[in-house]
All heavy atoms as atom14 arrays in JSON, in Angstrom:
{
  "sequence": "NVGDVTKKTTRVYETNLYLPYHSDPSDVVGLLCIRKAKQGGLSSLV",
  "atom14_mask": [
    [1, 1, 1, 1, 1, 1, 1, 1, 0, 0, 0, 0, 0, 0],
    [1, 1, 1, 1, 1, 1, 1, 0, 0, 0, 0, 0, 0, 0],
    [1, 1, 1, 1, 0, 0, 0, 0, 0, 0, 0, 0, 0, 0],
    [1, 1, 1, 1, 1, 1, 1, 1, 0, 0, 0, 0, 0, 0],
    [1, 1, 1, 1, 1, 1, 1, 0, 0, 0, 0, 0, 0, 0],
    [1, 1, 1, 1, 1, 1, 1, 0, 0, 0, 0, 0, 0, 0],
    [1, 1, 1, 1, 1, 1, 1, 1, 1, 0, 0, 0, 0, 0],
    [1, 1, 1, 1, 1, 1, 1, 1, 1, 0, 0, 0, 0, 0],
    [1, 1, 1, 1, 1, 1, 1, 0, 0, 0, 0, 0, 0, 0],
    [1, 1, 1, 1, 1, 1, 1, 0, 0, 0, 0, 0, 0, 0],
    [1, 1, 1, 1, 1, 1, 1, 1, 1, 1, 1, 0, 0, 0],
    [1, 1, 1, 1, 1, 1, 1, 0, 0, 0, 0, 0, 0, 0],
    [1, 1, 1, 1, 1, 1, 1, 1, 1, 1, 1, 1, 0, 0],
    [1, 1, 1, 1, 1, 1, 1, 1, 1, 0, 0, 0, 0, 0],
    [1, 1, 1, 1, 1, 1, 1, 0, 0, 0, 0, 0, 0, 0],
    [1, 1, 1, 1, 1, 1, 1, 1, 0, 0, 0, 0, 0, 0],
    [1, 1, 1, 1, 1, 1, 1, 1, 0, 0, 0, 0, 0, 0],
    [1, 1, 1, 1, 1, 1, 1, 1, 1, 1, 1, 1, 0, 0],
    [1, 1, 1, 1, 1, 1, 1, 1, 0, 0, 0, 0, 0, 0],
    [1, 1, 1, 1, 1, 1, 1, 0, 0, 0, 0, 0, 0, 0],
    [1, 1, 1, 1, 1, 1, 1, 1, 1, 1, 1, 1, 0, 0],
    [1, 1, 1, 1, 1, 1, 1, 1, 1, 1, 0, 0, 0, 0],
    [1, 1, 1, 1, 1, 1, 0, 0, 0, 0, 0, 0, 0, 0],
    [1, 1, 1, 1, 1, 1, 1, 1, 0, 0, 0, 0, 0, 0],
    [1, 1, 1, 1, 1, 1, 1, 0, 0, 0, 0, 0, 0, 0],
    [1, 1, 1, 1, 1, 1, 0, 0, 0, 0, 0, 0, 0, 0],
    [1, 1, 1, 1, 1, 1, 1, 1, 0, 0, 0, 0, 0, 0],
    [1, 1, 1, 1, 1, 1, 1, 0, 0, 0, 0, 0, 0, 0],
    [1, 1, 1, 1, 1, 1, 1, 0, 0, 0, 0, 0, 0, 0],
    [1, 1, 1, 1, 0, 0, 0, 0, 0, 0, 0, 0, 0, 0],
    [1, 1, 1, 1, 1, 1, 1, 1, 0, 0, 0, 0, 0, 0],
    [1, 1, 1, 1, 1, 1, 1, 1, 0, 0, 0, 0, 0, 0],
    [1, 1, 1, 1, 1, 1, 0, 0, 0, 0, 0, 0, 0, 0],
    [1, 1, 1, 1, 1, 1, 1, 1, 0, 0, 0, 0, 0, 0],
    [1, 1, 1, 1, 1, 1, 1, 1, 1, 1, 1, 0, 0, 0],
    [1, 1, 1, 1, 1, 1, 1, 1, 1, 0, 0, 0, 0, 0],
    [1, 1, 1, 1, 1, 0, 0, 0, 0, 0, 0, 0, 0, 0],
    [1, 1, 1, 1, 1, 1, 1, 1, 1, 0, 0, 0, 0, 0],
    [1, 1, 1, 1, 1, 1, 1, 1, 1, 0, 0, 0, 0, 0],
    [1, 1, 1, 1, 0, 0, 0, 0, 0, 0, 0, 0, 0, 0],
    [1, 1, 1, 1, 0, 0, 0, 0, 0, 0, 0, 0, 0, 0],
    [1, 1, 1, 1, 1, 1, 1, 1, 0, 0, 0, 0, 0, 0],
    [1, 1, 1, 1, 1, 1, 0, 0, 0, 0, 0, 0, 0, 0],
    [1, 1, 1, 1, 1, 1, 0, 0, 0, 0, 0, 0, 0, 0],
    [1, 1, 1, 1, 1, 1, 1, 1, 0, 0, 0, 0, 0, 0],
    [1, 1, 1, 1, 1, 1, 1, 0, 0, 0, 0, 0, 0, 0]
  ],
  "atom14_positions": [
    [[3.13, 16.1, 11.91], [4.09, 15.53, 10.98], [4.1, 14.01, 11.1], [4.99, 13.43, 11.74], [5.48, 16.1, 11.27], [6.54, 15.59, 10.31], [6.23, 15.1, 9.23], [7.79, 15.7, 10.7], [0.0, 0.0, 0.0], [0.0, 0.0, 0.0], [0.0, 0.0, 0.0], [0.0, 0.0, 0.0], [0.0, 0.0, 0.0], [0.0, 0.0, 0.0]],
    [[3.1, 13.38, 10.48], [2.96, 11.93, 10.58], [2.92, 11.27, 9.2], [2.78, 10.05, 9.09], [1.68, 11.54, 11.35], [1.79, 11.97, 12.81], [0.44, 12.16, 10.7], [0.0, 0.0, 0.0], [0.0, 0.0, 0.0], [0.0, 0.0, 0.0], [0.0, 0.0, 0.0], [0.0, 0.0, 0.0], [0.0, 0.0, 0.0], [0.0, 0.0, 0.0]],
    [[3.04, 12.04, 8.13], [2.91, 11.52, 6.77], [4.26, 11.2, 6.13], [5.31, 11.61, 6.61], [0.0, 0.0, 0.0], [0.0, 0.0, 0.0], [0.0, 0.0, 0.0], [0.0, 0.0, 0.0], [0.0, 0.0, 0.0], [0.0, 0.0, 0.0], [0.0, 0.0, 0.0], [0.0, 0.0, 0.0], [0.0, 0.0, 0.0], [0.0, 0.0, 0.0]],
    [[4.17, 10.47, 5.03], [5.36, 10.1, 4.25], [5.47, 11.06, 3.07], [4.66, 11.05, 2.17], [5.22, 8.65, 3.75], [6.46, 8.15, 3.02], [7.33, 8.99, 2.67], [6.54, 6.94, 2.75], [0.0, 0.0, 0.0], [0.0, 0.0, 0.0], [0.0, 0.0, 0.0], [0.0, 0.0, 0.0], [0.0, 0.0, 0.0], [0.0, 0.0, 0.0]],
    [[6.51, 11.92, 3.1], [6.64, 12.96, 2.06], [6.92, 12.37, 0.69], [6.8, 13.06, -0.33], [7.73, 13.97, 2.43], [7.37, 14.75, 3.68], [9.08, 13.28, 2.61], [0.0, 0.0, 0.0], [0.0, 0.0, 0.0], [0.0, 0.0, 0.0], [0.0, 0.0, 0.0], [0.0, 0.0, 0.0], [0.0, 0.0, 0.0], [0.0, 0.0, 0.0]],
    [[7.3, 11.09, 0.62], [7.61, 10.46, -0.67], [6.34, 9.98, -1.38], [6.39, 9.6, -2.55], [8.58, 9.28, -0.5], [7.93, 8.25, 0.26], [9.84, 9.72, 0.22], [0.0, 0.0, 0.0], [0.0, 0.0, 0.0], [0.0, 0.0, 0.0], [0.0, 0.0, 0.0], [0.0, 0.0, 0.0], [0.0, 0.0, 0.0], [0.0, 0.0, 0.0]],
    [[5.21, 9.99, -0.69], [3.96, 9.52, -1.29], [3.14, 10.71, -1.77], [2.94, 11.69, -1.06], [3.15, 8.71, -0.27], [3.79, 7.39, 0.12], [2.88, 6.62, 1.08], [3.48, 5.26, 1.44], [2.59, 4.5, 2.36], [0.0, 0.0, 0.0], [0.0, 0.0, 0.0], [0.0, 0.0, 0.0], [0.0, 0.0, 0.0], [0.0, 0.0, 0.0]],
    [[2.62, 10.6, -2.99], [1.82, 11.68, -3.57], [0.52, 11.91, -2.82], [-0.06, 12.98, -2.85], [1.51, 11.38, -5.04], [2.71, 11.55, -5.98], [2.28, 11.39, -7.42], [3.45, 11.67, -8.36], [3.05, 11.56, -9.79], [0.0, 0.0, 0.0], [0.0, 0.0, 0.0], [0.0, 0.0, 0.0], [0.0, 0.0, 0.0], [0.0, 0.0, 0.0]],
    [[0.02, 10.87, -2.16], [-1.25, 10.98, -1.45], [-1.11, 11.68, -0.09], [-2.1, 12.0, 0.54], [-1.85, 9.58, -1.22], [-0.88, 8.76, -0.55], [-2.24, 8.94, -2.55], [0.0, 0.0, 0.0], [0.0, 0.0, 0.0], [0.0, 0.0, 0.0], [0.0, 0.0, 0.0], [0.0, 0.0, 0.0], [0.0, 0.0, 0.0], [0.0, 0.0, 0.0]],
    [[0.15, 11.9, 0.35], [0.37, 12.57, 1.63], [0.0, 14.05, 1.51], [0.46, 14.74, 0.61], [1.84, 12.43, 2.07], [2.14, 11.04, 2.26], [2.07, 13.16, 3.39], [0.0, 0.0, 0.0], [0.0, 0.0, 0.0], [0.0, 0.0, 0.0], [0.0, 0.0, 0.0], [0.0, 0.0, 0.0], [0.0, 0.0, 0.0], [0.0, 0.0, 0.0]],
    [[-0.83, 14.52, 2.42], [-1.22, 15.94, 2.43], [-0.13, 16.75, 3.13], [0.53, 16.28, 4.05], [-2.54, 16.1, 3.15], [-3.67, 15.22, 2.59], [-4.1, 15.65, 1.2], [-4.6, 17.02, 1.23], [-5.82, 17.34, 1.64], [-6.67, 16.39, 2.05], [-6.2, 18.61, 1.65], [0.0, 0.0, 0.0], [0.0, 0.0, 0.0], [0.0, 0.0, 0.0]],
    [[0.04, 18.0, 2.71], [1.12, 18.83, 3.26], [0.93, 19.04, 4.77], [1.9, 19.1, 5.52], [1.17, 20.2, 2.53], [2.3, 21.06, 3.11], [1.41, 19.99, 1.04], [0.0, 0.0, 0.0], [0.0, 0.0, 0.0], [0.0, 0.0, 0.0], [0.0, 0.0, 0.0], [0.0, 0.0, 0.0], [0.0, 0.0, 0.0], [0.0, 0.0, 0.0]],
    [[-0.34, 19.13, 5.22], [-0.55, 19.35, 6.66], [-0.11, 18.14, 7.49], [-0.01, 18.23, 8.73], [-1.99, 19.73, 6.95], [-3.03, 18.64, 6.79], [-3.24, 17.72, 7.81], [-3.8, 18.53, 5.63], [-4.19, 16.7, 7.67], [-4.74, 17.53, 5.5], [-4.92, 16.63, 6.5], [-5.87, 15.62, 6.38], [0.0, 0.0, 0.0], [0.0, 0.0, 0.0]],
    [[0.14, 17.01, 6.83], [0.63, 15.8, 7.53], [2.16, 15.75, 7.54], [2.73, 14.74, 7.95], [0.09, 14.56, 6.84], [-1.42, 14.43, 6.87], [-1.94, 13.28, 6.05], [-1.46, 13.06, 4.93], [-2.84, 12.57, 6.56], [0.0, 0.0, 0.0], [0.0, 0.0, 0.0], [0.0, 0.0, 0.0], [0.0, 0.0, 0.0], [0.0, 0.0, 0.0]],
    [[2.81, 16.82, 7.11], [4.26, 16.9, 7.09], [4.72, 18.12, 7.88], [3.93, 18.85, 8.46], [4.78, 17.02, 5.64], [4.54, 18.34, 5.14], [4.1, 15.99, 4.74], [0.0, 0.0, 0.0], [0.0, 0.0, 0.0], [0.0, 0.0, 0.0], [0.0, 0.0, 0.0], [0.0, 0.0, 0.0], [0.0, 0.0, 0.0], [0.0, 0.0, 0.0]],
    [[6.06, 18.34, 7.88], [6.59, 19.55, 8.52], [7.0, 20.58, 7.48], [7.73, 21.53, 7.77], [7.78, 19.19, 9.41], [8.96, 18.66, 8.62], [8.81, 18.2, 7.48], [10.15, 18.69, 9.21], [0.0, 0.0, 0.0], [0.0, 0.0, 0.0], [0.0, 0.0, 0.0], [0.0, 0.0, 0.0], [0.0, 0.0, 0.0], [0.0, 0.0, 0.0]],
    [[6.53, 20.41, 6.24], [6.9, 21.29, 5.14], [6.06, 22.58, 5.17], [5.05, 22.67, 5.86], [6.7, 20.58, 3.8], [7.46, 19.28, 3.6], [7.1, 18.66, 2.26], [8.97, 19.52, 3.67], [0.0, 0.0, 0.0], [0.0, 0.0, 0.0], [0.0, 0.0, 0.0], [0.0, 0.0, 0.0], [0.0, 0.0, 0.0], [0.0, 0.0, 0.0]],
    [[6.53, 23.56, 4.4], [5.78, 24.81, 4.23], [4.39, 24.51, 3.66], [4.26, 23.75, 2.71], [6.54, 25.74, 3.3], [5.72, 26.9, 2.76], [5.31, 27.93, 3.6], [5.36, 26.96, 1.42], [4.56, 28.98, 3.13], [4.61, 28.02, 0.92], [4.21, 29.03, 1.78], [3.46, 30.07, 1.3], [0.0, 0.0, 0.0], [0.0, 0.0, 0.0]],
    [[3.37, 25.08, 4.28], [1.98, 24.91, 3.83], [1.54, 26.2, 3.12], [1.43, 27.24, 3.78], [1.07, 24.61, 5.02], [-0.39, 24.33, 4.74], [-0.56, 23.09, 3.88], [-1.16, 24.16, 6.05], [0.0, 0.0, 0.0], [0.0, 0.0, 0.0], [0.0, 0.0, 0.0], [0.0, 0.0, 0.0], [0.0, 0.0, 0.0], [0.0, 0.0, 0.0]],
    [[1.35, 26.18, 1.8], [1.03, 27.4, 1.06], [-0.28, 28.03, 1.51], [-1.16, 27.36, 2.04], [0.94, 26.91, -0.39], [1.65, 25.62, -0.44], [1.46, 25.0, 0.91], [0.0, 0.0, 0.0], [0.0, 0.0, 0.0], [0.0, 0.0, 0.0], [0.0, 0.0, 0.0], [0.0, 0.0, 0.0], [0.0, 0.0, 0.0], [0.0, 0.0, 0.0]],
    [[-0.41, 29.34, 1.27], [-1.65, 30.03, 1.56], [-2.8, 29.38, 0.8], [-2.69, 29.06, -0.38], [-1.56, 31.5, 1.14], [-0.74, 32.34, 2.09], [0.56, 32.7, 1.77], [-1.27, 32.78, 3.28], [1.33, 33.48, 2.62], [-0.51, 33.58, 4.15], [0.79, 33.91, 3.81], [1.53, 34.68, 4.66], [0.0, 0.0, 0.0], [0.0, 0.0, 0.0]],
    [[-3.92, 29.22, 1.49], [-5.07, 28.55, 0.88], [-6.33, 28.82, 1.69], [-6.29, 29.39, 2.77], [-4.82, 27.04, 0.8], [-4.74, 26.37, 2.14], [-3.63, 26.48, 2.95], [-5.63, 25.6, 2.83], [-3.83, 25.82, 4.07], [-5.04, 25.26, 4.02], [0.0, 0.0, 0.0], [0.0, 0.0, 0.0], [0.0, 0.0, 0.0], [0.0, 0.0, 0.0]],
    [[-7.44, 28.4, 1.13], [-8.7, 28.39, 1.85], [-9.2, 26.94, 1.9], [-8.92, 26.15, 0.99], [-9.74, 29.29, 1.17], [-9.9, 28.92, -0.2], [0.0, 0.0, 0.0], [0.0, 0.0, 0.0], [0.0, 0.0, 0.0], [0.0, 0.0, 0.0], [0.0, 0.0, 0.0], [0.0, 0.0, 0.0], [0.0, 0.0, 0.0], [0.0, 0.0, 0.0]],
    [[-9.93, 26.6, 2.96], [-10.48, 25.25, 3.09], [-11.94, 25.22, 2.67], [-12.62, 26.25, 2.71], [-10.35, 24.78, 4.54], [-8.91, 24.51, 4.96], [-8.13, 24.1, 4.09], [-8.59, 24.7, 6.14], [0.0, 0.0, 0.0], [0.0, 0.0, 0.0], [0.0, 0.0, 0.0], [0.0, 0.0, 0.0], [0.0, 0.0, 0.0], [0.0, 0.0, 0.0]],
    [[-12.45, 24.06, 2.3], [-13.86, 23.96, 1.88], [-14.86, 23.91, 3.03], [-15.49, 22.9, 3.3], [-13.88, 22.67, 1.04], [-12.78, 21.84, 1.61], [-11.73, 22.8, 2.06], [0.0, 0.0, 0.0], [0.0, 0.0, 0.0], [0.0, 0.0, 0.0], [0.0, 0.0, 0.0], [0.0, 0.0, 0.0], [0.0, 0.0, 0.0], [0.0, 0.0, 0.0]],
    [[-14.94, 25.03, 3.75], [-15.92, 25.18, 4.83], [-16.06, 26.68, 5.09], [-15.21, 27.47, 4.69], [-15.47, 24.46, 6.11], [-14.27, 25.04, 6.61], [0.0, 0.0, 0.0], [0.0, 0.0, 0.0], [0.0, 0.0, 0.0], [0.0, 0.0, 0.0], [0.0, 0.0, 0.0], [0.0, 0.0, 0.0], [0.0, 0.0, 0.0], [0.0, 0.0, 0.0]],
    [[-17.11, 27.08, 5.78], [-17.29, 28.5, 6.09], [-16.15, 29.01, 6.97], [-15.6, 30.08, 6.72], [-18.63, 28.72, 6.8], [-19.83, 28.43, 5.93], [-19.72, 28.55, 4.69], [-20.9, 28.08, 6.47], [0.0, 0.0, 0.0], [0.0, 0.0, 0.0], [0.0, 0.0, 0.0], [0.0, 0.0, 0.0], [0.0, 0.0, 0.0], [0.0, 0.0, 0.0]],
    [[-15.85, 28.26, 8.02], [-14.83, 28.66, 8.98], [-13.91, 27.5, 9.29], [-14.34, 26.34, 9.32], [-15.49, 29.18, 10.3], [-14.51, 29.18, 11.46], [-16.07, 30.57, 10.08], [0.0, 0.0, 0.0], [0.0, 0.0, 0.0], [0.0, 0.0, 0.0], [0.0, 0.0, 0.0], [0.0, 0.0, 0.0], [0.0, 0.0, 0.0], [0.0, 0.0, 0.0]],
    [[-12.62, 27.79, 9.45], [-11.66, 26.77, 9.86], [-11.13, 27.15, 11.25], [-10.83, 28.32, 11.52], [-10.5, 26.64, 8.86], [-9.8, 27.98, 8.61], [-9.48, 25.59, 9.32], [0.0, 0.0, 0.0], [0.0, 0.0, 0.0], [0.0, 0.0, 0.0], [0.0, 0.0, 0.0], [0.0, 0.0, 0.0], [0.0, 0.0, 0.0], [0.0, 0.0, 0.0]],
    [[-11.05, 26.16, 12.12], [-10.49, 26.35, 13.44], [-9.23, 25.52, 13.62], [-9.1, 24.43, 13.04], [0.0, 0.0, 0.0], [0.0, 0.0, 0.0], [0.0, 0.0, 0.0], [0.0, 0.0, 0.0], [0.0, 0.0, 0.0], [0.0, 0.0, 0.0], [0.0, 0.0, 0.0], [0.0, 0.0, 0.0], [0.0, 0.0, 0.0], [0.0, 0.0, 0.0]],
    [[-8.29, 26.02, 14.4], [-7.06, 25.3, 14.67], [-6.76, 25.41, 16.16], [-6.62, 26.53, 16.68], [-5.91, 25.88, 13.84], [-4.69, 25.0, 13.58], [-5.08, 23.73, 12.82], [-3.63, 25.77, 12.82], [0.0, 0.0, 0.0], [0.0, 0.0, 0.0], [0.0, 0.0, 0.0], [0.0, 0.0, 0.0], [0.0, 0.0, 0.0], [0.0, 0.0, 0.0]],
    [[-6.7, 24.29, 16.84], [-6.37, 24.25, 18.27], [-4.96, 23.75, 18.44], [-4.63, 22.64, 17.99], [-7.36, 23.34, 19.02], [-6.99, 22.98, 20.46], [-6.87, 24.21, 21.34], [-7.99, 22.01, 21.06], [0.0, 0.0, 0.0], [0.0, 0.0, 0.0], [0.0, 0.0, 0.0], [0.0, 0.0, 0.0], [0.0, 0.0, 0.0], [0.0, 0.0, 0.0]],
    [[-4.12, 24.54, 19.1], [-2.73, 24.13, 19.33], [-2.66, 23.29, 20.61], [-3.06, 23.73, 21.69], [-1.84, 25.37, 19.46], [-0.12, 24.98, 19.84], [0.0, 0.0, 0.0], [0.0, 0.0, 0.0], [0.0, 0.0, 0.0], [0.0, 0.0, 0.0], [0.0, 0.0, 0.0], [0.0, 0.0, 0.0], [0.0, 0.0, 0.0], [0.0, 0.0, 0.0]],
    [[-2.14, 22.09, 20.46], [-1.88, 21.2, 21.61], [-0.42, 21.33, 22.03], [-0.1, 21.49, 23.2], [-2.2, 19.72, 21.27], [-3.61, 19.58, 20.69], [-2.03, 18.86, 22.53], [-4.71, 19.97, 21.62], [0.0, 0.0, 0.0], [0.0, 0.0, 0.0], [0.0, 0.0, 0.0], [0.0, 0.0, 0.0], [0.0, 0.0, 0.0], [0.0, 0.0, 0.0]],
    [[0.48, 21.27, 21.03], [1.92, 21.42, 21.31], [2.57, 22.23, 20.18], [2.17, 22.12, 19.01], [2.6, 20.06, 21.41], [2.15, 19.23, 22.6], [3.04, 18.0, 22.77], [2.94, 17.08, 21.66], [2.08, 16.05, 21.6], [1.25, 15.84, 22.61], [2.06, 15.24, 20.56], [0.0, 0.0, 0.0], [0.0, 0.0, 0.0], [0.0, 0.0, 0.0]],
    [[3.6, 22.99, 20.52], [4.36, 23.73, 19.52], [5.51, 22.88, 19.02], [5.91, 21.91, 19.65], [4.95, 25.01, 20.12], [3.93, 26.05, 20.53], [4.58, 27.42, 20.74], [5.62, 27.4, 21.84], [6.17, 28.76, 22.08], [0.0, 0.0, 0.0], [0.0, 0.0, 0.0], [0.0, 0.0, 0.0], [0.0, 0.0, 0.0], [0.0, 0.0, 0.0]],
    [[6.08, 23.3, 17.89], [7.27, 22.65, 17.36], [8.5, 23.09, 18.14], [8.46, 24.07, 18.89], [7.43, 22.99, 15.88], [0.0, 0.0, 0.0], [0.0, 0.0, 0.0], [0.0, 0.0, 0.0], [0.0, 0.0, 0.0], [0.0, 0.0, 0.0], [0.0, 0.0, 0.0], [0.0, 0.0, 0.0], [0.0, 0.0, 0.0], [0.0, 0.0, 0.0]],
    [[9.59, 22.38, 17.94], [10.86, 22.79, 18.54], [11.28, 24.13, 17.95], [11.77, 25.02, 18.65], [11.93, 21.73, 18.25], [13.31, 22.06, 18.81], [14.3, 20.98, 18.49], [15.69, 21.31, 19.02], [16.67, 20.24, 18.66], [0.0, 0.0, 0.0], [0.0, 0.0, 0.0], [0.0, 0.0, 0.0], [0.0, 0.0, 0.0], [0.0, 0.0, 0.0]],
    [[11.05, 24.28, 16.65], [11.39, 25.52, 15.96], [10.5, 25.67, 14.74], [10.24, 24.7, 14.03], [12.86, 25.52, 15.52], [13.34, 26.8, 14.9], [14.84, 26.78, 14.65], [15.57, 25.95, 15.22], [15.3, 27.66, 13.8], [0.0, 0.0, 0.0], [0.0, 0.0, 0.0], [0.0, 0.0, 0.0], [0.0, 0.0, 0.0], [0.0, 0.0, 0.0]],
    [[10.01, 26.89, 14.48], [9.18, 27.13, 13.3], [7.72, 26.79, 13.53], [7.27, 26.65, 14.66], [0.0, 0.0, 0.0], [0.0, 0.0, 0.0], [0.0, 0.0, 0.0], [0.0, 0.0, 0.0], [0.0, 0.0, 0.0], [0.0, 0.0, 0.0], [0.0, 0.0, 0.0], [0.0, 0.0, 0.0], [0.0, 0.0, 0.0], [0.0, 0.0, 0.0]],
    [[6.98, 26.64, 12.43], [5.56, 26.34, 12.52], [4.72, 27.56, 12.78], [3.65, 27.5, 13.36], [0.0, 0.0, 0.0], [0.0, 0.0, 0.0], [0.0, 0.0, 0.0], [0.0, 0.0, 0.0], [0.0, 0.0, 0.0], [0.0, 0.0, 0.0], [0.0, 0.0, 0.0], [0.0, 0.0, 0.0], [0.0, 0.0, 0.0], [0.0, 0.0, 0.0]],
    [[5.2, 28.71, 12.29], [4.48, 29.98, 12.48], [3.23, 29.99, 11.61], [3.27, 29.69, 10.43], [5.41, 31.13, 12.07], [5.19, 32.5, 12.69], [5.39, 32.47, 14.2], [6.16, 33.51, 12.06], [0.0, 0.0, 0.0], [0.0, 0.0, 0.0], [0.0, 0.0, 0.0], [0.0, 0.0, 0.0], [0.0, 0.0, 0.0], [0.0, 0.0, 0.0]],
    [[2.11, 30.36, 12.21], [0.85, 30.48, 11.49], [0.79, 31.86, 10.85], [1.21, 32.85, 11.44], [-0.34, 30.29, 12.43], [-1.56, 30.49, 11.76], [0.0, 0.0, 0.0], [0.0, 0.0, 0.0], [0.0, 0.0, 0.0], [0.0, 0.0, 0.0], [0.0, 0.0, 0.0], [0.0, 0.0, 0.0], [0.0, 0.0, 0.0], [0.0, 0.0, 0.0]],
    [[0.26, 31.94, 9.62], [0.23, 33.2, 8.89], [-1.11, 33.37, 8.2], [-1.65, 32.44, 7.61], [1.36, 33.22, 7.85], [1.42, 34.47, 7.2], [0.0, 0.0, 0.0], [0.0, 0.0, 0.0], [0.0, 0.0, 0.0], [0.0, 0.0, 0.0], [0.0, 0.0, 0.0], [0.0, 0.0, 0.0], [0.0, 0.0, 0.0], [0.0, 0.0, 0.0]],
    [[-1.66, 34.59, 8.28], [-2.94, 34.92, 7.67], [-2.78, 36.12, 6.75], [-1.92, 36.98, 6.97], [-3.97, 35.26, 8.75], [-4.2, 34.25, 9.87], [-5.15, 34.82, 10.92], [-4.73, 32.94, 9.32], [0.0, 0.0, 0.0], [0.0, 0.0, 0.0], [0.0, 0.0, 0.0], [0.0, 0.0, 0.0], [0.0, 0.0, 0.0], [0.0, 0.0, 0.0]],
    [[-3.61, 36.18, 5.7], [-3.6, 37.33, 4.8], [-5.04, 37.65, 4.41], [-5.85, 36.73, 4.22], [-2.72, 37.08, 3.56], [-3.26, 35.95, 2.71], [-2.57, 38.34, 2.73], [0.0, 0.0, 0.0], [0.0, 0.0, 0.0], [0.0, 0.0, 0.0], [0.0, 0.0, 0.0], [0.0, 0.0, 0.0], [0.0, 0.0, 0.0], [0.0, 0.0, 0.0]]
  ]
}
């Protein structure tokens, strides 16, 4: 959460907002957790 939500160029993953279901432009995406949030931030797959 390092982005400015008031700017259109800010990507959702740079905020603490809900990130809609999506696919990324690569064969595989990896996510390494360094720290958890105080509350929320649940990862979801479908």
